[in-house]
């Protein structure tokens, strides 16, 4: 039966007059104009006449895939491959359609078959990216453990995030002359070593549903600045739903951060922090190259030795992810967020508190130099506004910070599950309260291995 179908399709393709070149050219123009839905509507009308023509079927498949008509796309690409089994475009797009439909085993098999055909570097990088995404999705639908281990070193030129001239900053912020920096107010710099690791267990339930739970631990130690060594841990559990191009996650967790600090108060105020949180996430693939997401999180953040900093937070975020199949296979990720942070306790005056609002935007760009080496960069901006006047200063009523971040780095995958990352980050907090105005540089390198 298969051979008869292939023969019939081949016979149909042997009559170019049936291809309706004007209709196909019109469809190509619509696809080039990023209008796949209109292209699909025009092409599907011709299916009874042109099904079996390779050019027609491939255009129909692309238009259907980009329009979210996954079943039609798969049928069209399968017709192409019945006539031309080595049609690389149809092979790649069929694998994409399986991926978007949530048929990860079929998608993985298709992409691996493509990888074995010695594709061009751009295609190979695209295939690798899909295989990584499939691995991540299958973790939520396959029982088992996953995680990572990381070791790194680096240098931080402003550990405490303080202004260069603390005395002048204190005078501007509080109108007090002659204050000298002590304890946490001293600008400190040092080399550091860090380690991190995480393990998570996932277990499928039924029809795309699964549950998961895990923990992550991080530690950093500074050379000669042991008061600022830190250890943090995060435990979480939740449920996930994979429904083809859409993924849902709901989870709850608890995080603890411990850092002694160098405060010269009695009793001593540390930098310790505790957070309990609940998070809901939604991600949806608009097409095989574009994903959007939304997240809503509620957190209770507490400072065991400094209760005036305690707050509850509502955090809303959105994201957009786009991959490009051109030289370097660029990947662009943009996210934005807003938050409402309500202080739990008042300042000593009994009226004012440190409630605030945050709004931020971050962009991340990755560019592949080879299949194993990529460069990346990130830009971020966060605006902070205090809700109460004179919350952080006795001389500046409306406290406002503008925080910027720039990151540049390289990532080299030296073996299948391990990579070396080297990066430089520069942060700048421009505040109208000088005490919170600072610059910071950090360079680091780390080796990270995935555990599957």
Protein backbone atom coordinates (compact mmCIF):
# COMPACT_ATOMS: atom_id res chain seq x y z
CA UNK A 1 0.00 0.00 0.00
CA UNK A 2 2.80 2.39 0.86
CA UNK A 3 4.50 1.84 -2.48
CA UNK A 4 1.22 2.44 -4.31
CA UNK A 5 0.67 5.70 -2.45
CA UNK A 6 4.21 6.82 -3.20
CA UNK A 7 3.76 5.91 -6.88
CA UNK A 8 0.51 7.83 -7.06
CA UNK A 9 2.04 10.87 -5.41
CA UNK A 10 5.07 10.70 -7.67
CA UNK A 11 2.79 10.50 -10.66
CA UNK A 12 0.91 13.58 -9.51
CA UNK A 13 4.15 15.45 -9.09
CA UNK A 14 5.18 14.57 -12.64
CA UNK A 15 2.73 17.06 -14.14
CA UNK A 16 4.07 20.55 -13.37
CA UNK A 17 1.07 22.15 -15.08
CA UNK A 18 -1.01 21.03 -12.12
CA UNK A 19 1.20 22.97 -9.68
CA UNK A 20 -0.60 26.28 -10.28
CA UNK A 21 2.58 28.40 -10.12
CA UNK A 22 0.67 31.63 -9.54
CA UNK A 23 -0.98 30.24 -6.39
CA UNK A 24 2.31 28.87 -5.07
CA UNK A 25 4.12 32.14 -5.71
CA UNK A 26 1.35 34.02 -3.91
CA UNK A 27 1.71 31.65 -0.94
CA UNK A 28 5.48 32.17 -0.86
CA UNK A 29 4.99 35.95 -0.78
CA UNK A 30 2.52 35.68 2.10
CA UNK A 31 4.94 33.48 4.06
CA UNK A 32 7.78 35.95 3.40
CA UNK A 33 5.47 38.69 4.68
CA UNK A 34 4.93 36.71 7.93
CA UNK A 35 1.30 36.03 7.04
CA UNK A 36 1.09 32.23 7.29
CA UNK A 37 -2.62 32.14 8.16
CA UNK A 38 -3.60 33.79 4.89
CA UNK A 39 -1.18 31.53 2.98
CA UNK A 40 -2.74 28.49 4.65
CA UNK A 41 -6.28 29.61 3.79
CA UNK A 42 -5.38 30.05 0.14
CA UNK A 43 -3.42 26.80 -0.13
CA UNK A 44 -5.87 24.53 1.67
CA UNK A 45 -8.52 25.36 -0.96
CA UNK A 46 -6.29 23.73 -3.58
CA UNK A 47 -5.55 20.51 -1.66
CA UNK A 48 -7.91 18.32 -3.68
CA UNK A 49 -6.19 19.50 -6.89
CA UNK A 50 -2.53 19.73 -5.85
CA UNK A 51 -2.00 17.21 -3.04
CA UNK A 52 1.01 15.12 -4.06
CA UNK A 53 2.90 17.99 -5.68
CA UNK A 54 6.05 18.41 -3.62
CA UNK A 55 6.25 22.20 -3.90
CA UNK A 56 2.59 22.58 -2.97
CA UNK A 57 2.71 20.12 -0.08
CA UNK A 58 5.82 21.70 1.41
CA UNK A 59 4.37 25.22 1.26
CA UNK A 60 1.11 23.96 2.75
CA UNK A 61 3.03 22.24 5.54
CA UNK A 62 5.01 25.38 6.39
CA UNK A 63 1.89 27.56 6.32
CA UNK A 64 -0.01 25.06 8.48
CA UNK A 65 2.88 24.73 10.96
CA UNK A 66 3.26 28.49 11.35
CA UNK A 67 -0.53 28.82 11.76
CA UNK A 68 -0.74 26.21 14.49
CA UNK A 69 -2.52 23.64 12.26
CA UNK A 70 -0.24 20.84 13.41
CA UNK A 71 -2.24 17.87 12.12
CA UNK A 72 -2.43 19.40 8.62
CA UNK A 73 1.28 20.24 8.74
CA UNK A 74 2.26 16.66 9.63
CA UNK A 75 0.11 15.20 6.84
CA UNK A 76 1.57 17.64 4.28
CA UNK A 77 5.18 16.97 5.28
CA UNK A 78 4.59 13.21 5.25
CA UNK A 79 3.28 13.53 1.65
CA UNK A 80 6.48 15.37 0.71
CA UNK A 81 8.67 12.69 2.29
CA UNK A 82 6.69 9.92 0.60
CA UNK A 83 7.89 11.34 -2.73
CA UNK A 84 11.27 12.73 -1.66
CA UNK A 85 12.52 10.92 1.46
CA UNK A 86 15.64 13.10 1.63
CA UNK A 87 13.82 16.45 1.53
CA UNK A 88 15.76 18.14 4.38
CA UNK A 89 13.29 20.98 4.84
CA UNK A 90 10.34 18.63 5.25
CA UNK A 91 12.33 16.41 7.61
CA UNK A 92 13.23 19.38 9.81
CA UNK A 93 9.74 20.86 9.81
CA UNK A 94 8.09 17.50 10.47
CA UNK A 95 10.31 17.14 13.54
CA UNK A 96 9.30 20.66 14.62
CA UNK A 97 5.62 19.80 14.20
CA UNK A 98 6.04 16.70 16.40
CA UNK A 99 7.77 18.88 19.01
CA UNK A 100 5.00 21.49 19.05
CA UNK A 101 2.36 18.76 19.29
CA UNK A 102 4.10 17.31 22.34
CA UNK A 103 5.11 14.06 20.61
CA UNK A 104 8.60 14.29 22.06
CA UNK A 105 9.70 10.71 21.27
CA UNK A 106 8.84 11.16 17.58
CA UNK A 107 10.46 14.62 17.54
CA UNK A 108 13.61 13.34 19.21
CA UNK A 109 13.92 10.43 16.78
CA UNK A 110 13.43 12.75 13.81
CA UNK A 111 15.98 15.31 15.00
CA UNK A 112 18.54 12.60 15.78
CA UNK A 113 18.07 11.15 12.30
CA UNK A 114 18.68 14.61 10.85
CA UNK A 115 21.80 15.05 13.01
CA UNK A 116 23.24 11.81 11.59
CA UNK A 117 22.90 13.12 8.00
CA UNK A 118 25.81 15.57 8.45
CA UNK A 119 23.71 18.75 8.12
CA UNK A 120 25.23 22.26 7.65
CA UNK A 121 26.45 23.97 10.86
CA UNK A 122 23.40 26.23 11.13
CA UNK A 123 21.03 23.26 10.85
CA UNK A 124 23.11 21.25 13.35
CA UNK A 125 22.97 24.08 15.89
CA UNK A 126 19.20 24.31 15.44
CA UNK A 127 18.86 20.53 15.88
CA UNK A 128 20.98 20.62 19.07
CA UNK A 129 18.77 23.38 20.50
CA UNK A 130 15.62 21.35 19.86
CA UNK A 131 17.17 18.22 21.37
CA UNK A 132 18.01 20.19 24.53
CA UNK A 133 14.44 21.51 24.70
CA UNK A 134 13.06 18.00 24.23
CA UNK A 135 15.26 16.72 27.03
CA UNK A 136 13.93 19.44 29.34
CA UNK A 137 10.30 18.69 28.43
CA UNK A 138 10.72 14.92 28.81
CA UNK A 139 12.04 15.38 32.33
CA UNK A 140 8.53 16.46 33.32
CA UNK A 141 6.86 13.50 31.60
CA UNK A 142 9.36 10.75 32.47
CA UNK A 143 9.99 9.45 35.97
CA UNK A 144 13.54 10.05 37.14
CA UNK A 145 16.16 12.36 38.56
CA UNK A 146 17.89 15.32 36.95
CA UNK A 147 20.19 18.03 38.23
CA UNK A 148 23.52 19.75 37.92
CA UNK A 149 26.80 20.41 39.72
CA UNK A 150 28.89 23.57 39.32
CA UNK A 151 32.25 24.89 40.52
CA UNK A 152 33.65 28.34 39.81
CA UNK A 153 36.02 31.14 40.73
CA UNK A 154 35.87 34.90 40.26
CA UNK A 155 36.58 38.40 41.50
CA UNK A 156 34.14 41.00 42.90
CA UNK A 157 35.25 44.65 43.21
CA UNK A 158 32.35 45.84 45.42
CA UNK A 159 31.08 43.00 47.60
CA UNK A 160 28.93 45.22 49.81
CA UNK A 161 27.50 47.40 47.02
CA UNK A 162 28.36 50.76 48.61
CA UNK A 163 29.31 54.20 47.21
CA UNK A 164 32.94 55.17 46.80
CA UNK A 165 32.69 58.17 49.15
CA UNK A 166 30.55 56.92 52.03
CA UNK A 167 30.98 60.07 54.11
CA UNK A 168 29.64 62.35 51.38
CA UNK A 169 26.82 59.93 50.66
CA UNK A 170 25.78 59.84 54.33
CA UNK A 171 25.79 63.64 54.46
CA UNK A 172 23.52 63.87 51.38
CA UNK A 173 21.20 61.12 52.62
CA UNK A 174 20.90 62.07 56.30
CA UNK A 175 22.46 65.52 56.65
CA UNK A 176 25.11 64.21 59.04
CA UNK A 177 28.70 65.40 58.62
CA UNK A 178 31.84 63.41 59.42
CA UNK A 179 30.53 59.84 59.31
CA UNK A 180 33.19 57.25 58.40
CA UNK A 181 32.44 53.91 56.83
CA UNK A 182 32.43 50.90 59.17
CA UNK A 183 31.25 47.29 58.97
CA UNK A 184 28.98 46.68 56.00
CA UNK A 185 29.52 50.27 54.80
CA UNK A 186 33.18 49.68 53.89
CA UNK A 187 33.80 49.07 50.21
CA UNK A 188 35.34 45.62 49.93
CA UNK A 189 36.79 43.60 47.07
CA UNK A 190 38.10 40.05 46.89
CA UNK A 191 38.50 36.90 44.86
CA UNK A 192 35.95 34.18 45.50
CA UNK A 193 35.16 30.55 44.91
CA UNK A 194 31.67 29.21 44.53
CA UNK A 195 29.88 25.89 44.29
CA UNK A 196 26.32 24.94 43.46
CA UNK A 197 24.26 21.85 42.89
CA UNK A 198 20.67 20.75 42.48
CA UNK A 199 18.63 17.57 42.15
CA UNK A 200 15.00 17.24 41.10
CA UNK A 201 12.73 14.23 40.79
CA UNK A 202 9.85 14.20 38.31
CA UNK A 203 7.05 11.66 38.11
CA UNK A 204 4.32 11.56 35.44
CA UNK A 205 0.71 10.99 36.47
CA UNK A 206 -1.51 10.86 33.37
CA UNK A 207 -2.39 12.79 30.20
CA UNK A 208 0.55 15.16 30.35
CA UNK A 209 0.33 15.79 34.10
CA UNK A 210 3.31 15.26 36.35
CA UNK A 211 4.59 16.14 39.80
CA UNK A 212 8.11 17.16 40.77
CA UNK A 213 10.18 18.12 43.76
CA UNK A 214 13.76 19.09 44.34
CA UNK A 215 16.36 21.21 46.08
CA UNK A 216 19.24 23.51 45.16
CA UNK A 217 22.23 24.61 47.25
CA UNK A 218 24.69 27.44 46.55
CA UNK A 219 27.78 28.62 48.39
CA UNK A 220 30.34 31.38 47.92
CA UNK A 221 33.53 32.05 49.87
CA UNK A 222 35.65 35.23 49.66
CA UNK A 223 39.41 35.40 50.11
CA UNK A 224 40.09 37.49 53.22
CA UNK A 225 36.44 38.59 53.63
CA UNK A 226 34.96 35.59 55.42
CA UNK A 227 32.17 37.68 57.01
CA UNK A 228 30.60 37.80 53.55
CA UNK A 229 30.78 34.11 52.78
CA UNK A 230 27.28 32.91 52.00
CA UNK A 231 25.26 29.71 51.77
CA UNK A 232 21.76 29.44 50.35
CA UNK A 233 19.30 26.63 49.83
CA UNK A 234 16.00 26.32 48.00
CA UNK A 235 13.49 23.44 48.29
CA UNK A 236 10.41 23.26 46.04
CA UNK A 237 7.63 20.96 44.87
CA UNK A 238 4.84 21.29 42.37
CA UNK A 239 2.89 19.98 39.42
CA UNK A 240 3.22 20.50 35.67
CA UNK A 241 1.05 19.98 32.62
CA UNK A 242 2.47 19.52 29.12
CA UNK A 243 -0.29 20.04 26.57
CA UNK A 244 1.43 20.16 23.17
CA UNK A 245 2.60 23.73 22.58
CA UNK A 246 1.42 24.83 26.03
CA UNK A 247 3.01 24.15 29.41
CA UNK A 248 1.65 24.97 32.86
CA UNK A 249 3.50 24.81 36.18
CA UNK A 250 2.41 25.48 39.75
CA UNK A 251 4.89 25.18 42.60
CA UNK A 252 5.64 26.23 46.14
CA UNK A 253 8.99 26.54 47.83
CA UNK A 254 11.14 27.83 50.65
CA UNK A 255 14.53 29.54 50.34
CA UNK A 256 17.09 30.35 53.03
CA UNK A 257 20.09 32.68 52.56
CA UNK A 258 22.78 32.96 55.26
CA UNK A 259 25.48 35.65 55.37
CA UNK A 260 27.04 36.93 58.58
CA UNK A 261 28.02 40.37 57.29
CA UNK A 262 30.09 42.86 59.26
CA UNK A 263 27.47 45.03 60.97
CA UNK A 264 28.81 46.67 64.15
CA UNK A 265 25.45 46.69 65.94
CA UNK A 266 24.52 45.13 69.27
CA UNK A 267 22.81 42.75 68.89
CA UNK A 268 24.41 42.07 65.52
CA UNK A 269 22.26 42.42 62.42
CA UNK A 270 23.12 39.79 59.82
CA UNK A 271 22.22 39.60 56.13
CA UNK A 272 20.24 36.38 56.64
CA UNK A 273 17.02 36.09 54.64
CA UNK A 274 14.14 33.60 54.47
CA UNK A 275 11.54 33.36 51.69
CA UNK A 276 8.42 31.26 51.27
CA UNK A 277 6.77 31.47 47.86
CA UNK A 278 4.08 30.13 45.53
CA UNK A 279 4.38 30.45 41.76
CA UNK A 280 2.22 29.79 38.71
CA UNK A 281 3.70 29.76 35.17
CA UNK A 282 2.24 29.50 31.68
CA UNK A 283 4.31 29.07 28.49
CA UNK A 284 2.99 28.77 24.96
CA UNK A 285 4.71 28.25 21.61
CA UNK A 286 3.17 30.60 19.05
CA UNK A 287 5.12 28.80 16.33
CA UNK A 288 8.19 26.61 16.10
CA UNK A 289 10.49 29.60 16.70
CA UNK A 290 8.53 31.76 19.17
CA UNK A 291 7.45 31.20 22.75
CA UNK A 292 5.65 33.53 25.15
CA UNK A 293 5.13 33.16 28.88
CA UNK A 294 3.45 34.63 31.95
CA UNK A 295 4.20 34.13 35.62
CA UNK A 296 2.61 35.18 38.91
CA UNK A 297 4.41 34.74 42.22
CA UNK A 298 3.56 35.55 45.83
CA UNK A 299 6.40 35.64 48.35
CA UNK A 300 6.84 36.31 52.05
CA UNK A 301 10.39 37.54 52.67
CA UNK A 302 11.73 37.75 56.22
CA UNK A 303 15.01 38.96 57.73
CA UNK A 304 15.52 37.12 61.05
CA UNK A 305 17.67 39.85 62.68
CA UNK A 306 16.29 42.92 60.90
CA UNK A 307 12.50 42.80 60.94
CA UNK A 308 12.09 46.32 59.56
CA UNK A 309 13.11 44.90 56.14
CA UNK A 310 10.41 42.18 56.11
CA UNK A 311 7.98 42.39 53.19
CA UNK A 312 5.34 40.48 51.21
CA UNK A 313 5.60 40.62 47.43
CA UNK A 314 3.33 40.06 44.44
CA UNK A 315 5.44 39.61 41.31
CA UNK A 316 4.01 39.52 37.77
CA UNK A 317 6.26 38.68 34.82
CA UNK A 318 6.01 38.16 31.08
CA UNK A 319 8.50 36.77 28.56
CA UNK A 320 9.12 36.39 24.82
CA UNK A 321 11.60 33.92 23.32
CA UNK A 322 12.60 33.86 19.64
CA UNK A 323 15.13 31.74 17.78
CA UNK A 324 16.45 32.65 14.35
CA UNK A 325 17.69 30.22 11.73
CA UNK A 326 20.46 32.33 10.30
CA UNK A 327 24.22 32.41 10.78
CA UNK A 328 25.00 31.83 14.43
CA UNK A 329 21.43 30.64 15.11
CA UNK A 330 20.73 33.64 17.39
CA UNK A 331 18.44 33.23 20.37
CA UNK A 332 16.72 36.31 21.84
CA UNK A 333 14.90 36.31 25.18
CA UNK A 334 13.11 39.36 26.57
CA UNK A 335 11.33 39.51 29.92
CA UNK A 336 9.54 42.21 31.86
CA UNK A 337 8.12 42.36 35.38
CA UNK A 338 6.35 44.53 37.92
CA UNK A 339 6.06 43.97 41.66
CA UNK A 340 4.23 45.34 44.64
CA UNK A 341 6.25 44.97 47.85
CA UNK A 342 4.40 45.70 51.10
CA UNK A 343 6.48 46.10 54.26
CA UNK A 344 5.32 44.07 57.25
CA UNK A 345 6.70 46.37 59.95
CA UNK A 346 7.03 50.12 60.46
CA UNK A 347 10.19 52.11 60.99
CA UNK A 348 10.89 53.46 64.52
CA UNK A 349 8.67 56.50 63.84
CA UNK A 350 5.66 54.15 63.78
CA UNK A 351 4.34 55.69 60.55
CA UNK A 352 6.80 55.15 57.69
CA UNK A 353 7.80 51.81 56.20
CA UNK A 354 9.96 50.49 53.35
CA UNK A 355 7.18 49.42 50.98
CA UNK A 356 8.13 49.82 47.32
CA UNK A 357 7.24 49.12 43.71
CA UNK A 358 9.60 47.59 41.15
CA UNK A 359 9.43 47.47 37.36
CA UNK A 360 12.07 45.86 35.17
CA UNK A 361 13.06 44.77 31.69
CA UNK A 362 15.79 42.32 30.67
CA UNK A 363 17.09 41.12 27.33
CA UNK A 364 19.36 38.13 26.65
CA UNK A 365 21.01 37.31 23.32
CA UNK A 366 22.92 34.14 22.45
CA UNK A 367 24.97 33.63 19.29
CA UNK A 368 26.62 30.33 18.34
CA UNK A 369 30.19 30.55 17.02
CA UNK A 370 30.30 26.75 16.52
CA UNK A 371 28.09 23.85 17.55
CA UNK A 372 29.97 23.74 20.88
CA UNK A 373 30.85 27.40 21.49
CA UNK A 374 28.50 30.33 21.93
CA UNK A 375 28.72 33.89 23.13
CA UNK A 376 26.01 35.64 25.10
CA UNK A 377 25.11 39.04 26.42
CA UNK A 378 22.41 40.52 28.63
CA UNK A 379 21.05 43.97 29.43
CA UNK A 380 18.77 44.69 32.35
CA UNK A 381 17.06 47.66 33.92
CA UNK A 382 15.06 47.90 37.15
CA UNK A 383 13.23 50.94 38.48
CA UNK A 384 12.52 51.11 42.23
CA UNK A 385 10.23 53.66 43.84
CA UNK A 386 9.59 53.90 47.56
CA UNK A 387 5.92 54.19 48.51
CA UNK A 388 6.47 56.33 51.65
CA UNK A 389 8.30 59.64 51.79
CA UNK A 390 11.62 59.64 53.66
CA UNK A 391 11.61 55.83 53.90
CA UNK A 392 15.37 55.53 53.31
CA UNK A 393 16.59 59.08 53.87
CA UNK A 394 15.85 62.06 56.11
CA UNK A 395 16.67 64.56 53.35
CA UNK A 396 15.26 62.95 50.19
CA UNK A 397 11.48 62.49 50.22
CA UNK A 398 10.77 60.30 47.19
CA UNK A 399 13.39 57.59 47.06
CA UNK A 400 14.05 56.27 43.55
CA UNK A 401 16.69 53.88 42.19
CA UNK A 402 17.56 53.02 38.60
CA UNK A 403 19.50 49.77 38.47
CA UNK A 404 21.27 48.69 35.27
CA UNK A 405 23.14 45.48 34.42
CA UNK A 406 25.34 44.45 31.51
CA UNK A 407 26.65 40.89 31.07
CA UNK A 408 29.00 39.49 28.42
CA UNK A 409 30.32 35.95 28.25
CA UNK A 410 31.33 32.75 26.47
CA UNK A 411 30.04 29.21 26.93
CA UNK A 412 31.98 26.18 25.69
CA UNK A 413 30.46 22.69 25.78
CA UNK A 414 33.61 20.61 26.09
CA UNK A 415 31.69 17.37 26.51
CA UNK A 416 28.10 16.27 26.01
CA UNK A 417 26.87 17.16 29.49
CA UNK A 418 29.49 19.67 30.67
CA UNK A 419 30.30 23.25 29.77
CA UNK A 420 32.66 26.05 30.84
CA UNK A 421 31.18 29.53 31.23
CA UNK A 422 33.28 32.70 31.48
CA UNK A 423 31.57 36.05 31.97
CA UNK A 424 31.93 39.66 33.04
CA UNK A 425 29.07 41.60 34.59
CA UNK A 426 28.82 45.30 35.33
CA UNK A 427 26.07 46.70 37.53
CA UNK A 428 25.22 50.31 38.30
CA UNK A 429 22.63 51.52 40.78
CA UNK A 430 21.86 55.19 40.17
CA UNK A 431 19.89 56.43 43.16
CA UNK A 432 18.71 59.90 44.19
CA UNK A 433 19.77 58.79 47.67
CA UNK A 434 23.56 58.76 47.44
CA UNK A 435 23.94 56.08 50.10
CA UNK A 436 22.46 53.57 47.64
CA UNK A 437 24.42 54.75 44.60
CA UNK A 438 27.15 52.30 43.56
CA UNK A 439 29.02 50.53 40.75
CA UNK A 440 30.15 46.92 40.69
CA UNK A 441 32.22 44.66 38.44
CA UNK A 442 32.40 40.91 38.68
CA UNK A 443 34.36 38.45 36.52
CA UNK A 444 33.93 34.71 36.91
CA UNK A 445 34.39 31.35 35.28
CA UNK A 446 32.61 28.12 36.16
CA UNK A 447 32.33 24.50 35.05
CA UNK A 448 28.82 23.06 35.06
CA UNK A 449 27.81 19.46 34.40
CA UNK A 450 24.26 18.25 33.94
CA UNK A 451 23.10 15.12 35.75
CA UNK A 452 20.45 13.08 33.93
